[in-house]
Amino acid sequence: VEDNFFIAIRNSKMSSRFWGQKSFVVITGASLGIGRGISIEFAKNVGPGSVFLIIARNEANLNETKSLMEKVAPEVKVRTGSLDLSKPNEGDFLKAIENTATVNGNDPSAFQHAILVHNAASIGDVKLLLSQYENLEYLQKYYNLNVISTILLNSFFLKVFNDSSKQRSIIQVTSLASKMPVKSLGMYGSAKAARNMMMSMLAMEEQNLRTLSWAPGVVATDMYSECERSIDPDVVNLFLSMKERGNLITAEMSASKLVKVLEDGNFENGSYVDCYELIEQYHPVFKGVKV
């Protein structure tokens, strides 16, 4: 018999209004692709006076994202943070959030909604199977970027925005590879699976914190191009045929769907939600796959 506490956590829905409020938003991996798409779409939907901190390594690309956001939403304030998440530094993370939260005379209590989006990720070496990784330094940097920095950013975000009476949300971009094994994507799938569990645990442990693991669909990005170079011929054929079948979507399309999902709020707190309503929309080979 399930404990009533766990039933309540499982059935809790994202019921509060998500958009249109003065929001503080942190987005990692915002320089290109899905992260840029999310940054632009979120900027369109937050309320006046909102402040964004967009993070990535490439400062030039970040500034381009900033310009695109300000073009569609001139009323929002956008700050950039050129940080290498594969070399996490506790002081840098906390300072970036605190300093951005106090721009224009604000402080954390001035915001109606605090939002953190984990998009930054890397796919690993698609020329290796999981049993072939032997470089400790590579492994440490990989999990620093994909797992450790996520944990630290969660902690510092919640340290700054610690008022549980205010609306707080954490979203992480995940993948179908976190739910089913894909050859040569073992590192990627394991990191995404860890992040899925983080969202579930935070939803259980924290008061008034809404979390979501968002699978964005098959998006035409640099990461997708990496999959076409996999060591496994079946994986290469799968991803090439997705392109041929027209299964790919744009970052803008996926981000727009995420905005709608968050607006509707019809999902369990801490859950995994896929951009596609049916998994086989990725590709017919996935028909009947249970996630």
C-alpha atoms as a PDB file:
ATOM      1  CA  VAL A   1       0.000   0.000   0.000  1.00  0.00           C
ATOM      2  CA  GLU A   2       1.424   3.318  -1.015  1.00  0.00           C
ATOM      3  CA  ASP A   3       1.976   5.907   1.658  1.00  0.00           C
ATOM      4  CA  ASN A   4      -0.415   8.847   1.276  1.00  0.00           C
ATOM      5  CA  PHE A   5       2.568  11.219   1.194  1.00  0.00           C
ATOM      6  CA  PHE A   6       3.993   9.591  -1.935  1.00  0.00           C
ATOM      7  CA  ILE A   7       0.566   9.489  -3.584  1.00  0.00           C
ATOM      8  CA  ALA A   8       0.177  13.214  -2.979  1.00  0.00           C
ATOM      9  CA  ILE A   9       3.590  13.934  -4.494  1.00  0.00           C
ATOM     10  CA  ARG A  10       2.871  11.786  -7.527  1.00  0.00           C
ATOM     11  CA  ASN A  11      -0.520  13.360  -8.181  1.00  0.00           C
ATOM     12  CA  SER A  12       0.437  16.986  -7.567  1.00  0.00           C
ATOM     13  CA  LYS A  13      -0.183  19.092 -10.673  1.00  0.00           C
ATOM     14  CA  MET A  14       1.385  22.286 -11.944  1.00  0.00           C
ATOM     15  CA  SER A  15      -1.671  24.377 -11.111  1.00  0.00           C
ATOM     16  CA  SER A  16      -0.383  27.940 -10.564  1.00  0.00           C
ATOM     17  CA  ARG A  17      -0.229  30.407 -13.419  1.00  0.00           C
ATOM     18  CA  PHE A  18       3.187  30.076 -15.023  1.00  0.00           C
ATOM     19  CA  TRP A  19       3.473  33.033 -17.404  1.00  0.00           C
ATOM     20  CA  GLY A  20       2.879  36.770 -17.312  1.00  0.00           C
ATOM     21  CA  GLN A  21       4.597  37.402 -13.976  1.00  0.00           C
ATOM     22  CA  LYS A  22       7.717  39.336 -13.062  1.00  0.00           C
ATOM     23  CA  SER A  23      10.168  36.458 -13.244  1.00  0.00           C
ATOM     24  CA  PHE A  24      13.826  35.720 -12.625  1.00  0.00           C
ATOM     25  CA  VAL A  25      15.008  33.145 -15.171  1.00  0.00           C
ATOM     26  CA  VAL A  26      18.308  31.250 -15.408  1.00  0.00           C
ATOM     27  CA  ILE A  27      18.929  29.238 -18.595  1.00  0.00           C
ATOM     28  CA  THR A  28      22.078  27.205 -19.205  1.00  0.00           C
ATOM     29  CA  GLY A  29      23.332  26.236 -22.646  1.00  0.00           C
ATOM     30  CA  ALA A  30      21.597  29.311 -24.059  1.00  0.00           C
ATOM     31  CA  SER A  31      24.061  30.146 -26.816  1.00  0.00           C
ATOM     32  CA  LEU A  32      22.575  28.013 -29.611  1.00  0.00           C
ATOM     33  CA  GLY A  33      19.945  25.455 -30.532  1.00  0.00           C
ATOM     34  CA  ILE A  34      17.343  24.390 -27.991  1.00  0.00           C
ATOM     35  CA  GLY A  35      18.719  26.718 -25.307  1.00  0.00           C
ATOM     36  CA  ARG A  36      18.448  29.720 -27.586  1.00  0.00           C
ATOM     37  CA  GLY A  37      14.937  28.708 -28.611  1.00  0.00           C
ATOM     38  CA  ILE A  38      13.836  28.377 -24.981  1.00  0.00           C
ATOM     39  CA  SER A  39      15.427  31.726 -24.077  1.00  0.00           C
ATOM     40  CA  ILE A  40      13.558  33.556 -26.826  1.00  0.00           C
ATOM     41  CA  GLU A  41      10.201  31.877 -26.185  1.00  0.00           C
ATOM     42  CA  PHE A  42      10.409  32.395 -22.428  1.00  0.00           C
ATOM     43  CA  ALA A  43      11.288  36.076 -22.950  1.00  0.00           C
ATOM     44  CA  LYS A  44       8.075  36.465 -24.951  1.00  0.00           C
ATOM     45  CA  ASN A  45       5.929  35.049 -22.155  1.00  0.00           C
ATOM     46  CA  VAL A  46       7.248  36.421 -18.848  1.00  0.00           C
ATOM     47  CA  GLY A  47       5.866  39.589 -17.312  1.00  0.00           C
ATOM     48  CA  PRO A  48       7.290  43.139 -17.380  1.00  0.00           C
ATOM     49  CA  GLY A  49      10.394  43.725 -15.282  1.00  0.00           C
ATOM     50  CA  SER A  50      11.603  40.161 -15.668  1.00  0.00           C
ATOM     51  CA  VAL A  51      15.342  39.437 -15.545  1.00  0.00           C
ATOM     52  CA  PHE A  52      17.231  36.670 -17.363  1.00  0.00           C
ATOM     53  CA  LEU A  53      20.637  35.149 -16.692  1.00  0.00           C
ATOM     54  CA  ILE A  54      21.675  33.139 -19.748  1.00  0.00           C
ATOM     55  CA  ILE A  55      24.742  30.931 -19.387  1.00  0.00           C
ATOM     56  CA  ALA A  56      27.105  29.228 -21.844  1.00  0.00           C
ATOM     57  CA  ARG A  57      30.820  29.122 -22.696  1.00  0.00           C
ATOM     58  CA  ASN A  58      30.651  31.016 -25.995  1.00  0.00           C
ATOM     59  CA  GLU A  59      30.239  34.699 -25.160  1.00  0.00           C
ATOM     60  CA  ALA A  60      29.715  35.809 -28.768  1.00  0.00           C
ATOM     61  CA  ASN A  61      26.841  33.368 -29.275  1.00  0.00           C
ATOM     62  CA  LEU A  62      25.382  34.311 -25.905  1.00  0.00           C
ATOM     63  CA  ASN A  63      25.349  37.967 -26.925  1.00  0.00           C
ATOM     64  CA  GLU A  64      23.536  37.013 -30.122  1.00  0.00           C
ATOM     65  CA  THR A  65      20.903  35.174 -28.069  1.00  0.00           C
ATOM     66  CA  LYS A  66      20.631  38.235 -25.817  1.00  0.00           C
ATOM     67  CA  SER A  67      20.013  40.488 -28.839  1.00  0.00           C
ATOM     68  CA  LEU A  68      17.332  38.157 -30.189  1.00  0.00           C
ATOM     69  CA  MET A  69      15.600  38.068 -26.799  1.00  0.00           C
ATOM     70  CA  GLU A  70      15.645  41.840 -26.423  1.00  0.00           C
ATOM     71  CA  LYS A  71      14.279  42.229 -29.939  1.00  0.00           C
ATOM     72  CA  VAL A  72      11.145  40.184 -29.174  1.00  0.00           C
ATOM     73  CA  ALA A  73      10.830  41.345 -25.539  1.00  0.00           C
ATOM     74  CA  PRO A  74      12.432  44.784 -25.048  1.00  0.00           C
ATOM     75  CA  GLU A  75      10.904  45.065 -21.570  1.00  0.00           C
ATOM     76  CA  VAL A  76      13.036  42.248 -20.125  1.00  0.00           C
ATOM     77  CA  LYS A  77      16.573  42.610 -18.775  1.00  0.00           C
ATOM     78  CA  VAL A  78      19.085  40.024 -20.025  1.00  0.00           C
ATOM     79  CA  ARG A  79      22.457  39.358 -18.424  1.00  0.00           C
ATOM     80  CA  THR A  80      24.977  36.883 -19.841  1.00  0.00           C
ATOM     81  CA  GLY A  81      27.290  34.574 -17.911  1.00  0.00           C
ATOM     82  CA  SER A  82      30.209  33.048 -19.787  1.00  0.00           C
ATOM     83  CA  LEU A  83      30.779  30.009 -17.564  1.00  0.00           C
ATOM     84  CA  ASP A  84      32.319  26.621 -18.277  1.00  0.00           C
ATOM     85  CA  LEU A  85      30.046  24.161 -16.476  1.00  0.00           C
ATOM     86  CA  SER A  86      32.558  21.350 -16.979  1.00  0.00           C
ATOM     87  CA  LYS A  87      34.711  23.238 -14.451  1.00  0.00           C
ATOM     88  CA  PRO A  88      32.123  24.103 -11.813  1.00  0.00           C
ATOM     89  CA  ASN A  89      33.009  26.751  -9.259  1.00  0.00           C
ATOM     90  CA  GLU A  90      30.654  27.222  -6.329  1.00  0.00           C
ATOM     91  CA  GLY A  91      31.548  30.867  -5.880  1.00  0.00           C
ATOM     92  CA  ASP A  92      31.032  31.732  -9.542  1.00  0.00           C
ATOM     93  CA  PHE A  93      27.617  30.059  -9.631  1.00  0.00           C
ATOM     94  CA  LEU A  94      26.320  31.761  -6.504  1.00  0.00           C
ATOM     95  CA  LYS A  95      27.786  35.153  -7.468  1.00  0.00           C
ATOM     96  CA  ALA A  96      26.231  35.020 -10.952  1.00  0.00           C
ATOM     97  CA  ILE A  97      22.753  34.341  -9.551  1.00  0.00           C
ATOM     98  CA  GLU A  98      22.993  36.840  -6.687  1.00  0.00           C
ATOM     99  CA  ASN A  99      24.408  39.645  -8.830  1.00  0.00           C
ATOM    100  CA  THR A 100      21.791  39.198 -11.561  1.00  0.00           C
ATOM    101  CA  ALA A 101      18.938  39.025  -9.041  1.00  0.00           C
ATOM    102  CA  THR A 102      19.881  42.484  -7.748  1.00  0.00           C
ATOM    103  CA  VAL A 103      20.080  44.406 -11.054  1.00  0.00           C
ATOM    104  CA  ASN A 104      17.986  47.558 -11.350  1.00  0.00           C
ATOM    105  CA  GLY A 105      17.577  47.719  -7.576  1.00  0.00           C
ATOM    106  CA  ASN A 106      15.851  44.328  -7.380  1.00  0.00           C
ATOM    107  CA  ASP A 107      16.344  41.638  -4.775  1.00  0.00           C
ATOM    108  CA  PRO A 108      15.092  38.027  -4.876  1.00  0.00           C
ATOM    109  CA  SER A 109      11.864  38.942  -3.067  1.00  0.00           C
ATOM    110  CA  ALA A 110      10.953  41.364  -5.888  1.00  0.00           C
ATOM    111  CA  PHE A 111      10.246  38.496  -8.289  1.00  0.00           C
ATOM    112  CA  GLN A 112       6.930  36.667  -8.381  1.00  0.00           C
ATOM    113  CA  HIS A 113       8.388  33.585 -10.057  1.00  0.00           C
ATOM    114  CA  ALA A 114      11.940  32.161 -10.105  1.00  0.00           C
ATOM    115  CA  ILE A 115      12.725  29.734 -12.951  1.00  0.00           C
ATOM    116  CA  LEU A 116      15.834  27.623 -13.615  1.00  0.00           C
ATOM    117  CA  VAL A 117      16.272  25.766 -16.920  1.00  0.00           C
ATOM    118  CA  HIS A 118      19.038  23.188 -17.327  1.00  0.00           C
ATOM    119  CA  ASN A 119      19.724  22.855 -21.030  1.00  0.00           C
ATOM    120  CA  ALA A 120      23.539  22.684 -21.122  1.00  0.00           C
ATOM    121  CA  ALA A 121      24.687  19.169 -22.000  1.00  0.00           C
ATOM    122  CA  SER A 122      27.104  17.198 -24.136  1.00  0.00           C
ATOM    123  CA  ILE A 123      26.548  13.894 -25.860  1.00  0.00           C
ATOM    124  CA  GLY A 124      29.852  12.175 -25.101  1.00  0.00           C
ATOM    125  CA  ASP A 125      32.092  10.401 -27.592  1.00  0.00           C
ATOM    126  CA  VAL A 126      29.793   8.668 -30.081  1.00  0.00           C
ATOM    127  CA  LYS A 127      32.788   6.706 -31.389  1.00  0.00           C
ATOM    128  CA  LEU A 128      32.930   4.785 -28.099  1.00  0.00           C
ATOM    129  CA  LEU A 129      30.681   2.217 -26.462  1.00  0.00           C
ATOM    130  CA  LEU A 130      30.150   2.624 -22.733  1.00  0.00           C
ATOM    131  CA  SER A 131      32.655  -0.143 -21.904  1.00  0.00           C
ATOM    132  CA  GLN A 132      35.387   1.664 -23.847  1.00  0.00           C
ATOM    133  CA  TYR A 133      35.695   4.831 -21.718  1.00  0.00           C
ATOM    134  CA  GLU A 134      39.056   4.751 -19.919  1.00  0.00           C
ATOM    135  CA  ASN A 135      40.080   8.407 -19.514  1.00  0.00           C
ATOM    136  CA  LEU A 136      39.321   9.533 -15.968  1.00  0.00           C
ATOM    137  CA  GLU A 137      39.813  13.235 -16.710  1.00  0.00           C
ATOM    138  CA  TYR A 138      37.329  13.044 -19.598  1.00  0.00           C
ATOM    139  CA  LEU A 139      34.778  11.252 -17.407  1.00  0.00           C
ATOM    140  CA  GLN A 140      35.130  13.798 -14.607  1.00  0.00           C
ATOM    141  CA  LYS A 141      34.658  16.728 -16.980  1.00  0.00           C
ATOM    142  CA  TYR A 142      31.700  15.022 -18.634  1.00  0.00           C
ATOM    143  CA  TYR A 143      29.812  14.430 -15.395  1.00  0.00           C
ATOM    144  CA  ASN A 144      30.830  17.853 -14.073  1.00  0.00           C
ATOM    145  CA  LEU A 145      29.048  19.432 -17.018  1.00  0.00           C
ATOM    146  CA  ASN A 146      26.065  17.118 -17.232  1.00  0.00           C
ATOM    147  CA  VAL A 147      25.366  16.194 -13.606  1.00  0.00           C
ATOM    148  CA  ILE A 148      27.498  17.953 -10.946  1.00  0.00           C
ATOM    149  CA  SER A 149      26.916  21.492 -12.241  1.00  0.00           C
ATOM    150  CA  THR A 150      23.173  20.750 -12.350  1.00  0.00           C
ATOM    151  CA  ILE A 151      23.177  19.758  -8.678  1.00  0.00           C
ATOM    152  CA  LEU A 152      25.176  22.835  -7.680  1.00  0.00           C
ATOM    153  CA  LEU A 153      23.035  25.252  -9.680  1.00  0.00           C
ATOM    154  CA  ASN A 154      19.891  23.758  -8.130  1.00  0.00           C
ATOM    155  CA  SER A 155      21.336  24.299  -4.654  1.00  0.00           C
ATOM    156  CA  PHE A 156      22.475  27.874  -5.220  1.00  0.00           C
ATOM    157  CA  PHE A 157      19.286  28.799  -7.063  1.00  0.00           C
ATOM    158  CA  LEU A 158      17.199  27.549  -4.129  1.00  0.00           C
ATOM    159  CA  LYS A 159      19.572  29.230  -1.663  1.00  0.00           C
ATOM    160  CA  VAL A 160      18.952  32.616  -3.281  1.00  0.00           C
ATOM    161  CA  PHE A 161      15.246  32.011  -3.905  1.00  0.00           C
ATOM    162  CA  ASN A 162      14.527  30.379  -0.577  1.00  0.00           C
ATOM    163  CA  ASP A 163      11.042  31.743   0.068  1.00  0.00           C
ATOM    164  CA  SER A 164       8.784  28.715  -0.349  1.00  0.00           C
ATOM    165  CA  SER A 165       5.710  30.961  -0.376  1.00  0.00           C
ATOM    166  CA  LYS A 166       6.858  32.267  -3.776  1.00  0.00           C
ATOM    167  CA  GLN A 167       6.514  30.402  -7.056  1.00  0.00           C
ATOM    168  CA  ARG A 168       9.678  28.490  -8.056  1.00  0.00           C
ATOM    169  CA  SER A 169      10.240  26.140 -10.998  1.00  0.00           C
ATOM    170  CA  ILE A 170      13.121  24.004 -12.277  1.00  0.00           C
ATOM    171  CA  ILE A 171      13.049  22.433 -15.749  1.00  0.00           C
ATOM    172  CA  GLN A 172      15.717  20.208 -17.217  1.00  0.00           C
ATOM    173  CA  VAL A 173      15.990  19.238 -20.868  1.00  0.00           C
ATOM    174  CA  THR A 174      16.164  15.450 -21.052  1.00  0.00           C
ATOM    175  CA  SER A 175      16.025  12.794 -23.772  1.00  0.00           C
ATOM    176  CA  LEU A 176      14.341   9.550 -24.734  1.00  0.00           C
ATOM    177  CA  ALA A 177      17.861   8.097 -24.303  1.00  0.00           C
ATOM    178  CA  SER A 178      17.333   8.496 -20.546  1.00  0.00           C
ATOM    179  CA  LYS A 179      14.500   5.982 -20.733  1.00  0.00           C
ATOM    180  CA  MET A 180      15.846   3.426 -23.208  1.00  0.00           C
ATOM    181  CA  PRO A 181      19.419   2.398 -24.114  1.00  0.00           C
ATOM    182  CA  VAL A 182      20.868   3.649 -27.395  1.00  0.00           C
ATOM    183  CA  LYS A 183      24.256   2.278 -28.448  1.00  0.00           C
ATOM    184  CA  SER A 184      27.074   4.848 -28.252  1.00  0.00           C
ATOM    185  CA  LEU A 185      24.877   7.195 -26.182  1.00  0.00           C
ATOM    186  CA  GLY A 186      25.539   5.497 -22.854  1.00  0.00           C
ATOM    187  CA  MET A 187      27.171   8.508 -21.206  1.00  0.00           C
ATOM    188  CA  TYR A 188      24.445  10.814 -22.441  1.00  0.00           C
ATOM    189  CA  GLY A 189      21.612   8.516 -21.365  1.00  0.00           C
ATOM    190  CA  SER A 190      23.098   7.919 -17.908  1.00  0.00           C
ATOM    191  CA  ALA A 191      23.510  11.652 -17.250  1.00  0.00           C
ATOM    192  CA  LYS A 192      19.991  12.448 -18.419  1.00  0.00           C
ATOM    193  CA  ALA A 193      18.564   9.616 -16.298  1.00  0.00           C
ATOM    194  CA  ALA A 194      20.353  11.059 -13.261  1.00  0.00           C
ATOM    195  CA  ARG A 195      18.864  14.466 -13.987  1.00  0.00           C
ATOM    196  CA  ASN A 196      15.389  12.952 -14.354  1.00  0.00           C
ATOM    197  CA  MET A 197      15.700  11.561 -10.840  1.00  0.00           C
ATOM    198  CA  MET A 198      16.932  14.921  -9.555  1.00  0.00           C
ATOM    199  CA  MET A 199      13.699  16.538 -10.731  1.00  0.00           C
ATOM    200  CA  SER A 200      11.608  13.839  -9.068  1.00  0.00           C
ATOM    201  CA  MET A 201      13.528  14.149  -5.809  1.00  0.00           C
ATOM    202  CA  LEU A 202      13.362  17.947  -5.712  1.00  0.00           C
ATOM    203  CA  ALA A 203       9.612  17.799  -6.307  1.00  0.00           C
ATOM    204  CA  MET A 204       9.324  15.481  -3.310  1.00  0.00           C
ATOM    205  CA  GLU A 205      11.746  17.250  -0.966  1.00  0.00           C
ATOM    206  CA  GLU A 206      11.069  20.958  -1.524  1.00  0.00           C
ATOM    207  CA  GLN A 207       7.967  22.931  -0.623  1.00  0.00           C
ATOM    208  CA  ASN A 208       6.282  24.813  -3.451  1.00  0.00           C
ATOM    209  CA  LEU A 209       8.861  23.829  -6.057  1.00  0.00           C
ATOM    210  CA  ARG A 210       7.629  22.668  -9.445  1.00  0.00           C
ATOM    211  CA  THR A 211       9.926  20.548 -11.563  1.00  0.00           C
ATOM    212  CA  LEU A 212       9.823  18.964 -14.988  1.00  0.00           C
ATOM    213  CA  SER A 213      12.047  16.807 -17.200  1.00  0.00           C
ATOM    214  CA  TRP A 214      11.295  17.911 -20.776  1.00  0.00           C
ATOM    215  CA  ALA A 215      12.189  15.722 -23.744  1.00  0.00           C
ATOM    216  CA  PRO A 216      12.304  18.207 -26.634  1.00  0.00           C
ATOM    217  CA  GLY A 217      11.935  15.762 -29.531  1.00  0.00           C
ATOM    218  CA  VAL A 218      14.411  15.222 -32.342  1.00  0.00           C
ATOM    219  CA  VAL A 219      15.725  18.725 -32.960  1.00  0.00           C
ATOM    220  CA  ALA A 220      18.085  19.722 -35.774  1.00  0.00           C
ATOM    221  CA  THR A 221      21.106  20.802 -33.711  1.00  0.00           C
ATOM    222  CA  ASP A 222      24.853  20.183 -33.609  1.00  0.00           C
ATOM    223  CA  MET A 223      24.197  17.370 -31.134  1.00  0.00           C
ATOM    224  CA  TYR A 224      21.901  15.664 -33.636  1.00  0.00           C
ATOM    225  CA  SER A 225      24.680  15.883 -36.234  1.00  0.00           C
ATOM    226  CA  GLU A 226      27.009  14.134 -33.772  1.00  0.00           C
ATOM    227  CA  CYS A 227      24.589  11.190 -33.597  1.00  0.00           C
ATOM    228  CA  GLU A 228      24.951  10.745 -37.362  1.00  0.00           C
ATOM    229  CA  ARG A 229      28.625   9.918 -36.708  1.00  0.00           C
ATOM    230  CA  SER A 230      27.956   7.157 -34.175  1.00  0.00           C
ATOM    231  CA  ILE A 231      30.169   4.078 -34.083  1.00  0.00           C
ATOM    232  CA  ASP A 232      27.021   1.947 -34.403  1.00  0.00           C
ATOM    233  CA  PRO A 233      25.660   1.705 -37.985  1.00  0.00           C
ATOM    234  CA  ASP A 234      22.111   1.071 -36.783  1.00  0.00           C
ATOM    235  CA  VAL A 235      22.154   4.316 -34.804  1.00  0.00           C
ATOM    236  CA  VAL A 236      23.558   6.193 -37.800  1.00  0.00           C
ATOM    237  CA  ASN A 237      20.821   4.778 -40.050  1.00  0.00           C
ATOM    238  CA  LEU A 238      18.153   5.587 -37.480  1.00  0.00           C
ATOM    239  CA  PHE A 239      19.114   9.243 -37.209  1.00  0.00           C
ATOM    240  CA  LEU A 240      19.627   9.660 -40.960  1.00  0.00           C
ATOM    241  CA  SER A 241      16.217   8.160 -41.661  1.00  0.00           C
ATOM    242  CA  MET A 242      14.622  10.552 -39.166  1.00  0.00           C
ATOM    243  CA  LYS A 243      15.885  13.403 -41.297  1.00  0.00           C
ATOM    244  CA  GLU A 244      14.715  11.739 -44.521  1.00  0.00           C
ATOM    245  CA  ARG A 245      11.251  11.096 -43.076  1.00  0.00           C
ATOM    246  CA  GLY A 246      10.923  14.701 -41.922  1.00  0.00           C
ATOM    247  CA  ASN A 247      10.819  13.713 -38.243  1.00  0.00           C
ATOM    248  CA  LEU A 248      13.089  16.580 -37.169  1.00  0.00           C
ATOM    249  CA  ILE A 249      11.616  19.696 -35.604  1.00  0.00           C
ATOM    250  CA  THR A 250      13.132  23.119 -35.019  1.00  0.00           C
ATOM    251  CA  ALA A 251      14.308  24.451 -31.678  1.00  0.00           C
ATOM    252  CA  GLU A 252      11.612  27.123 -31.922  1.00  0.00           C
ATOM    253  CA  MET A 253       8.858  24.530 -32.394  1.00  0.00           C
ATOM    254  CA  SER A 254      10.031  22.509 -29.398  1.00  0.00           C
ATOM    255  CA  ALA A 255      10.396  25.593 -27.186  1.00  0.00           C
ATOM    256  CA  SER A 256       6.906  26.778 -28.141  1.00  0.00           C
ATOM    257  CA  LYS A 257       5.508  23.388 -27.135  1.00  0.00           C
ATOM    258  CA  LEU A 258       7.320  23.625 -23.789  1.00  0.00           C
ATOM    259  CA  VAL A 259       5.781  27.056 -23.180  1.00  0.00           C
ATOM    260  CA  LYS A 260       2.325  25.558 -23.800  1.00  0.00           C
ATOM    261  CA  VAL A 261       2.989  22.541 -21.570  1.00  0.00           C
ATOM    262  CA  LEU A 262       4.048  24.827 -18.717  1.00  0.00           C
ATOM    263  CA  GLU A 263       1.042  27.074 -19.287  1.00  0.00           C
ATOM    264  CA  ASP A 264      -1.408  24.160 -19.171  1.00  0.00           C
ATOM    265  CA  GLY A 265       0.319  22.468 -16.234  1.00  0.00           C
ATOM    266  CA  ASN A 266      -1.389  19.138 -16.879  1.00  0.00           C
ATOM    267  CA  PHE A 267       1.376  16.875 -15.662  1.00  0.00           C
ATOM    268  CA  GLU A 268       2.661  15.420 -12.422  1.00  0.00           C
ATOM    269  CA  ASN A 269       5.218  17.458 -10.554  1.00  0.00           C
ATOM    270  CA  GLY A 270       8.701  16.030 -11.128  1.00  0.00           C
ATOM    271  CA  SER A 271       7.658  13.973 -14.130  1.00  0.00           C
ATOM    272  CA  TYR A 272       9.085  13.265 -17.586  1.00  0.00           C
ATOM    273  CA  VAL A 273       7.104  14.832 -20.439  1.00  0.00           C
ATOM    274  CA  ASP A 274       7.851  14.259 -24.119  1.00  0.00           C
ATOM    275  CA  CYS A 275       7.379  16.832 -26.864  1.00  0.00           C
ATOM    276  CA  TYR A 276       5.737  14.119 -28.945  1.00  0.00           C
ATOM    277  CA  GLU A 277       2.401  12.857 -27.723  1.00  0.00           C
ATOM    278  CA  LEU A 278       3.258   9.413 -29.102  1.00  0.00           C
ATOM    279  CA  ILE A 279       6.799   8.030 -28.812  1.00  0.00           C
ATOM    280  CA  GLU A 280       6.668   6.557 -32.318  1.00  0.00           C
ATOM    281  CA  GLN A 281       6.533  10.114 -33.660  1.00  0.00           C
ATOM    282  CA  TYR A 282      10.299  10.066 -33.124  1.00  0.00           C
ATOM    283  CA  HIS A 283      10.496   7.233 -35.610  1.00  0.00           C
ATOM    284  CA  PRO A 284       8.286   4.182 -36.377  1.00  0.00           C
ATOM    285  CA  VAL A 285      10.892   1.899 -34.789  1.00  0.00           C
ATOM    286  CA  PHE A 286       9.874   3.255 -31.362  1.00  0.00           C
ATOM    287  CA  LYS A 287       6.219   2.214 -31.738  1.00  0.00           C
ATOM    288  CA  GLY A 288       5.089   0.445 -28.603  1.00  0.00           C
ATOM    289  CA  VAL A 289       8.105   1.522 -26.525  1.00  0.00           C
ATOM    290  CA  LYS A 290       7.089   2.114 -22.929  1.00  0.00           C
ATOM    291  CA  VAL A 291       8.521   5.178 -21.186  1.00  0.00           C
END
